[in-house]
Amino acid sequence: WPAVVAAPAQNSPKVVAPVRVWLNGQTLEVVKAELAGGYIGFYAVETRLPPVVDEGFSSLRIEAAGRFSNTIRVRVNL
């Protein structure tokens, strides 16, 4: 996809690199990873939470093709 063009709102290009997501060090299932529709250079990564997860603040980290994101804190509300 051209670097200076916003991704389409429908049928955005899928990420070809392997993507992994961790929540408090536990690997999550990646449901979808694609360019974020309507944006330039942003990606939308959808994951599925495990059946048992602690409520409160958690650490979230993403890896794509061996490159890691910063670790961020997210609040999990059940």
PDB file of N, CA and C in Angstrom:
ATOM      1  N   TRP A   1       0.844  -1.171   0.000  1.00  0.00           N
ATOM      2  CA  TRP A   1       0.000   0.000   0.000  1.00  0.00           C
ATOM      3  C   TRP A   1       0.887   1.232   0.000  1.00  0.00           C
ATOM      4  N   PRO A   2       0.584   2.245  -0.820  1.00  0.00           N
ATOM      5  CA  PRO A   2       1.419   3.448  -0.844  1.00  0.00           C
ATOM      6  C   PRO A   2       1.465   4.140   0.519  1.00  0.00           C
ATOM      7  N   ALA A   3       2.641   4.576   0.918  1.00  0.00           N
ATOM      8  CA  ALA A   3       2.854   5.134   2.255  1.00  0.00           C
ATOM      9  C   ALA A   3       2.123   6.445   2.498  1.00  0.00           C
ATOM     10  N   VAL A   4       1.735   7.169   1.469  1.00  0.00           N
ATOM     11  CA  VAL A   4       1.109   8.478   1.660  1.00  0.00           C
ATOM     12  C   VAL A   4      -0.389   8.458   1.375  1.00  0.00           C
ATOM     13  N   VAL A   5      -0.963   7.275   1.260  1.00  0.00           N
ATOM     14  CA  VAL A   5      -2.376   7.139   0.919  1.00  0.00           C
ATOM     15  C   VAL A   5      -3.116   6.479   2.084  1.00  0.00           C
ATOM     16  N   ALA A   6      -4.245   7.074   2.468  1.00  0.00           N
ATOM     17  CA  ALA A   6      -5.051   6.487   3.541  1.00  0.00           C
ATOM     18  C   ALA A   6      -5.604   5.137   3.105  1.00  0.00           C
ATOM     19  N   ALA A   7      -5.682   4.221   4.041  1.00  0.00           N
ATOM     20  CA  ALA A   7      -6.247   2.898   3.759  1.00  0.00           C
ATOM     21  C   ALA A   7      -7.742   3.034   3.518  1.00  0.00           C
ATOM     22  N   PRO A   8      -8.302   2.212   2.654  1.00  0.00           N
ATOM     23  CA  PRO A   8      -9.750   2.287   2.418  1.00  0.00           C
ATOM     24  C   PRO A   8     -10.523   1.871   3.663  1.00  0.00           C
ATOM     25  N   ALA A   9     -11.721   2.428   3.804  1.00  0.00           N
ATOM     26  CA  ALA A   9     -12.562   2.114   4.965  1.00  0.00           C
ATOM     27  C   ALA A   9     -13.039   0.667   4.931  1.00  0.00           C
ATOM     28  N   GLN A  10     -13.237   0.106   3.758  1.00  0.00           N
ATOM     29  CA  GLN A  10     -13.679  -1.276   3.590  1.00  0.00           C
ATOM     30  C   GLN A  10     -12.570  -2.082   2.929  1.00  0.00           C
ATOM     31  N   ASN A  11     -12.414  -3.330   3.338  1.00  0.00           N
ATOM     32  CA  ASN A  11     -11.423  -4.238   2.747  1.00  0.00           C
ATOM     33  C   ASN A  11     -10.009  -3.675   2.777  1.00  0.00           C
ATOM     34  N   SER A  12      -9.578  -3.191   3.945  1.00  0.00           N
ATOM     35  CA  SER A  12      -8.218  -2.666   4.092  1.00  0.00           C
ATOM     36  C   SER A  12      -7.207  -3.781   3.888  1.00  0.00           C
ATOM     37  N   PRO A  13      -6.012  -3.441   3.383  1.00  0.00           N
ATOM     38  CA  PRO A  13      -4.986  -4.462   3.178  1.00  0.00           C
ATOM     39  C   PRO A  13      -4.601  -5.146   4.488  1.00  0.00           C
ATOM     40  N   LYS A  14      -4.480  -6.448   4.443  1.00  0.00           N
ATOM     41  CA  LYS A  14      -4.095  -7.251   5.606  1.00  0.00           C
ATOM     42  C   LYS A  14      -2.583  -7.172   5.817  1.00  0.00           C
ATOM     43  N   VAL A  15      -2.157  -7.310   7.055  1.00  0.00           N
ATOM     44  CA  VAL A  15      -0.740  -7.340   7.401  1.00  0.00           C
ATOM     45  C   VAL A  15      -0.175  -8.690   6.965  1.00  0.00           C
ATOM     46  N   VAL A  16       0.966  -8.686   6.276  1.00  0.00           N
ATOM     47  CA  VAL A  16       1.556  -9.943   5.826  1.00  0.00           C
ATOM     48  C   VAL A  16       2.580 -10.485   6.829  1.00  0.00           C
ATOM     49  N   ALA A  17       3.101  -9.621   7.685  1.00  0.00           N
ATOM     50  CA  ALA A  17       4.069 -10.049   8.696  1.00  0.00           C
ATOM     51  C   ALA A  17       3.353 -10.778   9.830  1.00  0.00           C
ATOM     52  N   PRO A  18       4.017 -11.747  10.468  1.00  0.00           N
ATOM     53  CA  PRO A  18       3.403 -12.383  11.634  1.00  0.00           C
ATOM     54  C   PRO A  18       3.245 -11.370  12.770  1.00  0.00           C
ATOM     55  N   VAL A  19       2.065 -11.366  13.389  1.00  0.00           N
ATOM     56  CA  VAL A  19       1.763 -10.430  14.477  1.00  0.00           C
ATOM     57  C   VAL A  19       1.425 -11.233  15.722  1.00  0.00           C
ATOM     58  N   ARG A  20       2.028 -10.846  16.844  1.00  0.00           N
ATOM     59  CA  ARG A  20       1.722 -11.480  18.133  1.00  0.00           C
ATOM     60  C   ARG A  20       1.413 -10.383  19.146  1.00  0.00           C
ATOM     61  N   VAL A  21       0.522 -10.704  20.089  1.00  0.00           N
ATOM     62  CA  VAL A  21       0.101  -9.743  21.111  1.00  0.00           C
ATOM     63  C   VAL A  21       0.209 -10.415  22.472  1.00  0.00           C
ATOM     64  N   TRP A  22       0.701  -9.664  23.463  1.00  0.00           N
ATOM     65  CA  TRP A  22       0.792 -10.166  24.831  1.00  0.00           C
ATOM     66  C   TRP A  22       0.040  -9.242  25.775  1.00  0.00           C
ATOM     67  N   LEU A  23      -0.664  -9.850  26.717  1.00  0.00           N
ATOM     68  CA  LEU A  23      -1.327  -9.132  27.801  1.00  0.00           C
ATOM     69  C   LEU A  23      -0.777  -9.716  29.094  1.00  0.00           C
ATOM     70  N   ASN A  24      -0.058  -8.914  29.850  1.00  0.00           N
ATOM     71  CA  ASN A  24       0.613  -9.375  31.077  1.00  0.00           C
ATOM     72  C   ASN A  24       1.478 -10.611  30.812  1.00  0.00           C
ATOM     73  N   GLY A  25       2.144 -10.630  29.661  1.00  0.00           N
ATOM     74  CA  GLY A  25       3.043 -11.732  29.333  1.00  0.00           C
ATOM     75  C   GLY A  25       2.364 -12.956  28.749  1.00  0.00           C
ATOM     76  N   GLN A  26       1.039 -12.969  28.688  1.00  0.00           N
ATOM     77  CA  GLN A  26       0.296 -14.099  28.132  1.00  0.00           C
ATOM     78  C   GLN A  26      -0.023 -13.801  26.671  1.00  0.00           C
ATOM     79  N   THR A  27       0.287 -14.748  25.780  1.00  0.00           N
ATOM     80  CA  THR A  27       0.021 -14.563  24.356  1.00  0.00           C
ATOM     81  C   THR A  27      -1.475 -14.606  24.084  1.00  0.00           C
ATOM     82  N   LEU A  28      -1.959 -13.634  23.317  1.00  0.00           N
ATOM     83  CA  LEU A  28      -3.363 -13.573  22.937  1.00  0.00           C
ATOM     84  C   LEU A  28      -3.535 -14.034  21.492  1.00  0.00           C
ATOM     85  N   GLU A  29      -4.717 -14.516  21.181  1.00  0.00           N
ATOM     86  CA  GLU A  29      -5.036 -14.888  19.800  1.00  0.00           C
ATOM     87  C   GLU A  29      -5.244 -13.615  18.982  1.00  0.00           C
ATOM     88  N   VAL A  30      -4.549 -13.499  17.861  1.00  0.00           N
ATOM     89  CA  VAL A  30      -4.742 -12.373  16.948  1.00  0.00           C
ATOM     90  C   VAL A  30      -5.849 -12.765  15.970  1.00  0.00           C
ATOM     91  N   VAL A  31      -6.940 -12.027  15.989  1.00  0.00           N
ATOM     92  CA  VAL A  31      -8.082 -12.307  15.134  1.00  0.00           C
ATOM     93  C   VAL A  31      -7.910 -11.645  13.769  1.00  0.00           C
ATOM     94  N   LYS A  32      -7.399 -10.398  13.782  1.00  0.00           N
ATOM     95  CA  LYS A  32      -7.240  -9.654  12.536  1.00  0.00           C
ATOM     96  C   LYS A  32      -6.152  -8.604  12.707  1.00  0.00           C
ATOM     97  N   ALA A  33      -5.369  -8.387  11.651  1.00  0.00           N
ATOM     98  CA  ALA A  33      -4.361  -7.324  11.631  1.00  0.00           C
ATOM     99  C   ALA A  33      -4.366  -6.735  10.228  1.00  0.00           C
ATOM    100  N   GLU A  34      -4.683  -5.441  10.150  1.00  0.00           N
ATOM    101  CA  GLU A  34      -4.780  -4.784   8.842  1.00  0.00           C
ATOM    102  C   GLU A  34      -4.527  -3.295   9.000  1.00  0.00           C
ATOM    103  N   LEU A  35      -4.368  -2.604   7.864  1.00  0.00           N
ATOM    104  CA  LEU A  35      -4.265  -1.155   7.919  1.00  0.00           C
ATOM    105  C   LEU A  35      -5.586  -0.592   8.447  1.00  0.00           C
ATOM    106  N   ALA A  36      -5.497   0.448   9.257  1.00  0.00           N
ATOM    107  CA  ALA A  36      -6.702   1.066   9.831  1.00  0.00           C
ATOM    108  C   ALA A  36      -7.380   1.914   8.760  1.00  0.00           C
ATOM    109  N   GLY A  37      -8.621   1.573   8.437  1.00  0.00           N
ATOM    110  CA  GLY A  37      -9.363   2.266   7.394  1.00  0.00           C
ATOM    111  C   GLY A  37      -9.468   3.758   7.626  1.00  0.00           C
ATOM    112  N   GLY A  38      -9.137   4.546   6.600  1.00  0.00           N
ATOM    113  CA  GLY A  38      -9.229   5.998   6.681  1.00  0.00           C
ATOM    114  C   GLY A  38      -7.997   6.681   7.239  1.00  0.00           C
ATOM    115  N   TYR A  39      -6.981   5.920   7.639  1.00  0.00           N
ATOM    116  CA  TYR A  39      -5.775   6.489   8.239  1.00  0.00           C
ATOM    117  C   TYR A  39      -4.542   6.172   7.410  1.00  0.00           C
ATOM    118  N   ILE A  40      -3.514   6.968   7.602  1.00  0.00           N
ATOM    119  CA  ILE A  40      -2.228   6.749   6.952  1.00  0.00           C
ATOM    120  C   ILE A  40      -1.245   6.252   8.001  1.00  0.00           C
ATOM    121  N   GLY A  41      -0.686   5.070   7.793  1.00  0.00           N
ATOM    122  CA  GLY A  41       0.354   4.550   8.675  1.00  0.00           C
ATOM    123  C   GLY A  41      -0.113   3.979   9.998  1.00  0.00           C
ATOM    124  N   PHE A  42      -1.404   3.759  10.182  1.00  0.00           N
ATOM    125  CA  PHE A  42      -1.920   3.154  11.406  1.00  0.00           C
ATOM    126  C   PHE A  42      -2.454   1.760  11.101  1.00  0.00           C
ATOM    127  N   TYR A  43      -2.313   0.879  12.065  1.00  0.00           N
ATOM    128  CA  TYR A  43      -2.778  -0.489  11.910  1.00  0.00           C
ATOM    129  C   TYR A  43      -3.842  -0.804  12.951  1.00  0.00           C
ATOM    130  N   ALA A  44      -4.785  -1.642  12.593  1.00  0.00           N
ATOM    131  CA  ALA A  44      -5.804  -2.127  13.521  1.00  0.00           C
ATOM    132  C   ALA A  44      -5.507  -3.601  13.786  1.00  0.00           C
ATOM    133  N   VAL A  45      -5.285  -3.929  15.052  1.00  0.00           N
ATOM    134  CA  VAL A  45      -5.004  -5.308  15.450  1.00  0.00           C
ATOM    135  C   VAL A  45      -6.093  -5.724  16.430  1.00  0.00           C
ATOM    136  N   GLU A  46      -6.843  -6.756  16.073  1.00  0.00           N
ATOM    137  CA  GLU A  46      -7.902  -7.270  16.943  1.00  0.00           C
ATOM    138  C   GLU A  46      -7.446  -8.581  17.566  1.00  0.00           C
ATOM    139  N   THR A  47      -7.667  -8.696  18.877  1.00  0.00           N
ATOM    140  CA  THR A  47      -7.288  -9.906  19.600  1.00  0.00           C
ATOM    141  C   THR A  47      -8.482 -10.428  20.379  1.00  0.00           C
ATOM    142  N   ARG A  48      -8.344 -11.611  20.878  1.00  0.00           N
ATOM    143  CA  ARG A  48      -9.390 -12.217  21.713  1.00  0.00           C
ATOM    144  C   ARG A  48      -8.806 -12.401  23.113  1.00  0.00           C
ATOM    145  N   LEU A  49      -9.525 -11.896  24.117  1.00  0.00           N
ATOM    146  CA  LEU A  49      -9.078 -12.075  25.502  1.00  0.00           C
ATOM    147  C   LEU A  49      -9.236 -13.531  25.920  1.00  0.00           C
ATOM    148  N   PRO A  50      -8.366 -13.995  26.809  1.00  0.00           N
ATOM    149  CA  PRO A  50      -8.517 -15.363  27.315  1.00  0.00           C
ATOM    150  C   PRO A  50      -9.771 -15.468  28.187  1.00  0.00           C
ATOM    151  N   PRO A  51     -10.249 -16.696  28.440  1.00  0.00           N
ATOM    152  CA  PRO A  51     -11.465 -16.872  29.251  1.00  0.00           C
ATOM    153  C   PRO A  51     -11.328 -16.319  30.671  1.00  0.00           C
ATOM    154  N   VAL A  52     -10.108 -16.349  31.204  1.00  0.00           N
ATOM    155  CA  VAL A  52      -9.864 -15.840  32.558  1.00  0.00           C
ATOM    156  C   VAL A  52      -8.833 -14.725  32.459  1.00  0.00           C
ATOM    157  N   VAL A  53      -9.240 -13.537  32.908  1.00  0.00           N
ATOM    158  CA  VAL A  53      -8.339 -12.391  32.902  1.00  0.00           C
ATOM    159  C   VAL A  53      -8.650 -11.541  34.125  1.00  0.00           C
ATOM    160  N   ASP A  54      -7.620 -10.962  34.714  1.00  0.00           N
ATOM    161  CA  ASP A  54      -7.802 -10.112  35.885  1.00  0.00           C
ATOM    162  C   ASP A  54      -8.328  -8.745  35.465  1.00  0.00           C
ATOM    163  N   GLU A  55      -9.245  -8.220  36.243  1.00  0.00           N
ATOM    164  CA  GLU A  55      -9.746  -6.877  35.998  1.00  0.00           C
ATOM    165  C   GLU A  55      -8.732  -5.879  36.539  1.00  0.00           C
ATOM    166  N   GLY A  56      -8.648  -4.737  35.913  1.00  0.00           N
ATOM    167  CA  GLY A  56      -7.722  -3.695  36.355  1.00  0.00           C
ATOM    168  C   GLY A  56      -6.725  -3.377  35.264  1.00  0.00           C
ATOM    169  N   PHE A  57      -5.596  -2.798  35.651  1.00  0.00           N
ATOM    170  CA  PHE A  57      -4.582  -2.391  34.680  1.00  0.00           C
ATOM    171  C   PHE A  57      -3.711  -3.570  34.284  1.00  0.00           C
ATOM    172  N   SER A  58      -3.427  -3.659  32.986  1.00  0.00           N
ATOM    173  CA  SER A  58      -2.602  -4.731  32.441  1.00  0.00           C
ATOM    174  C   SER A  58      -1.569  -4.139  31.488  1.00  0.00           C
ATOM    175  N   SER A  59      -0.499  -4.890  31.233  1.00  0.00           N
ATOM    176  CA  SER A  59       0.533  -4.493  30.273  1.00  0.00           C
ATOM    177  C   SER A  59       0.226  -5.128  28.931  1.00  0.00           C
ATOM    178  N   LEU A  60       0.261  -4.327  27.863  1.00  0.00           N
ATOM    179  CA  LEU A  60      -0.022  -4.810  26.516  1.00  0.00           C
ATOM    180  C   LEU A  60       1.165  -4.509  25.618  1.00  0.00           C
ATOM    181  N   ARG A  61       1.542  -5.500  24.798  1.00  0.00           N
ATOM    182  CA  ARG A  61       2.685  -5.353  23.892  1.00  0.00           C
ATOM    183  C   ARG A  61       2.386  -6.097  22.604  1.00  0.00           C
ATOM    184  N   ILE A  62       2.829  -5.540  21.473  1.00  0.00           N
ATOM    185  CA  ILE A  62       2.612  -6.143  20.160  1.00  0.00           C
ATOM    186  C   ILE A  62       3.961  -6.359  19.483  1.00  0.00           C
ATOM    187  N   GLU A  63       4.058  -7.464  18.749  1.00  0.00           N
ATOM    188  CA  GLU A  63       5.250  -7.755  17.945  1.00  0.00           C
ATOM    189  C   GLU A  63       4.802  -8.011  16.518  1.00  0.00           C
ATOM    190  N   ALA A  64       5.488  -7.404  15.566  1.00  0.00           N
ATOM    191  CA  ALA A  64       5.231  -7.657  14.146  1.00  0.00           C
ATOM    192  C   ALA A  64       6.567  -7.868  13.460  1.00  0.00           C
ATOM    193  N   ALA A  65       6.735  -9.041  12.868  1.00  0.00           N
ATOM    194  CA  ALA A  65       7.965  -9.390  12.140  1.00  0.00           C
ATOM    195  C   ALA A  65       9.213  -9.195  13.001  1.00  0.00           C
ATOM    196  N   GLY A  66       9.114  -9.537  14.283  1.00  0.00           N
ATOM    197  CA  GLY A  66      10.266  -9.454  15.176  1.00  0.00           C
ATOM    198  C   GLY A  66      10.523  -8.085  15.775  1.00  0.00           C
ATOM    199  N   ARG A  67       9.714  -7.098  15.462  1.00  0.00           N
ATOM    200  CA  ARG A  67       9.867  -5.749  16.021  1.00  0.00           C
ATOM    201  C   ARG A  67       8.770  -5.525  17.049  1.00  0.00           C
ATOM    202  N   PHE A  68       9.167  -5.010  18.212  1.00  0.00           N
ATOM    203  CA  PHE A  68       8.253  -4.857  19.340  1.00  0.00           C
ATOM    204  C   PHE A  68       7.774  -3.416  19.497  1.00  0.00           C
ATOM    205  N   SER A  69       6.522  -3.281  19.903  1.00  0.00           N
ATOM    206  CA  SER A  69       5.979  -1.974  20.264  1.00  0.00           C
ATOM    207  C   SER A  69       6.452  -1.619  21.664  1.00  0.00           C
ATOM    208  N   ASN A  70       6.164  -0.401  22.064  1.00  0.00           N
ATOM    209  CA  ASN A  70       6.325  -0.043  23.459  1.00  0.00           C
ATOM    210  C   ASN A  70       5.302  -0.832  24.265  1.00  0.00           C
ATOM    211  N   THR A  71       5.589  -1.058  25.530  1.00  0.00           N
ATOM    212  CA  THR A  71       4.609  -1.678  26.420  1.00  0.00           C
ATOM    213  C   THR A  71       3.720  -0.573  26.953  1.00  0.00           C
ATOM    214  N   ILE A  72       2.399  -0.782  26.846  1.00  0.00           N
ATOM    215  CA  ILE A  72       1.462   0.214  27.361  1.00  0.00           C
ATOM    216  C   ILE A  72       0.586  -0.423  28.428  1.00  0.00           C
ATOM    217  N   ARG A  73      -0.019   0.433  29.239  1.00  0.00           N
ATOM    218  CA  ARG A  73      -0.956  -0.041  30.261  1.00  0.00           C
ATOM    219  C   ARG A  73      -2.361   0.184  29.751  1.00  0.00           C
ATOM    220  N   VAL A  74      -3.170  -0.860  29.841  1.00  0.00           N
ATOM    221  CA  VAL A  74      -4.581  -0.759  29.453  1.00  0.00           C
ATOM    222  C   VAL A  74      -5.434  -1.203  30.641  1.00  0.00           C
ATOM    223  N   ARG A  75      -6.621  -0.663  30.717  1.00  0.00           N
ATOM    224  CA  ARG A  75      -7.524  -1.054  31.792  1.00  0.00           C
ATOM    225  C   ARG A  75      -8.504  -2.082  31.253  1.00  0.00           C
ATOM    226  N   VAL A  76      -8.604  -3.219  31.933  1.00  0.00           N
ATOM    227  CA  VAL A  76      -9.530  -4.280  31.569  1.00  0.00           C
ATOM    228  C   VAL A  76     -10.723  -4.203  32.506  1.00  0.00           C
ATOM    229  N   ASN A  77     -11.907  -3.958  31.949  1.00  0.00           N
ATOM    230  CA  ASN A  77     -13.148  -3.941  32.721  1.00  0.00           C
ATOM    231  C   ASN A  77     -13.982  -5.136  32.315  1.00  0.00           C
ATOM    232  N   LEU A  78     -14.451  -5.889  33.286  1.00  0.00           N
ATOM    233  CA  LEU A  78     -15.268  -7.053  32.984  1.00  0.00           C
ATOM    234  C   LEU A  78     -16.720  -6.808  33.303  1.00  0.00           C
TER     235      LEU A  78
END
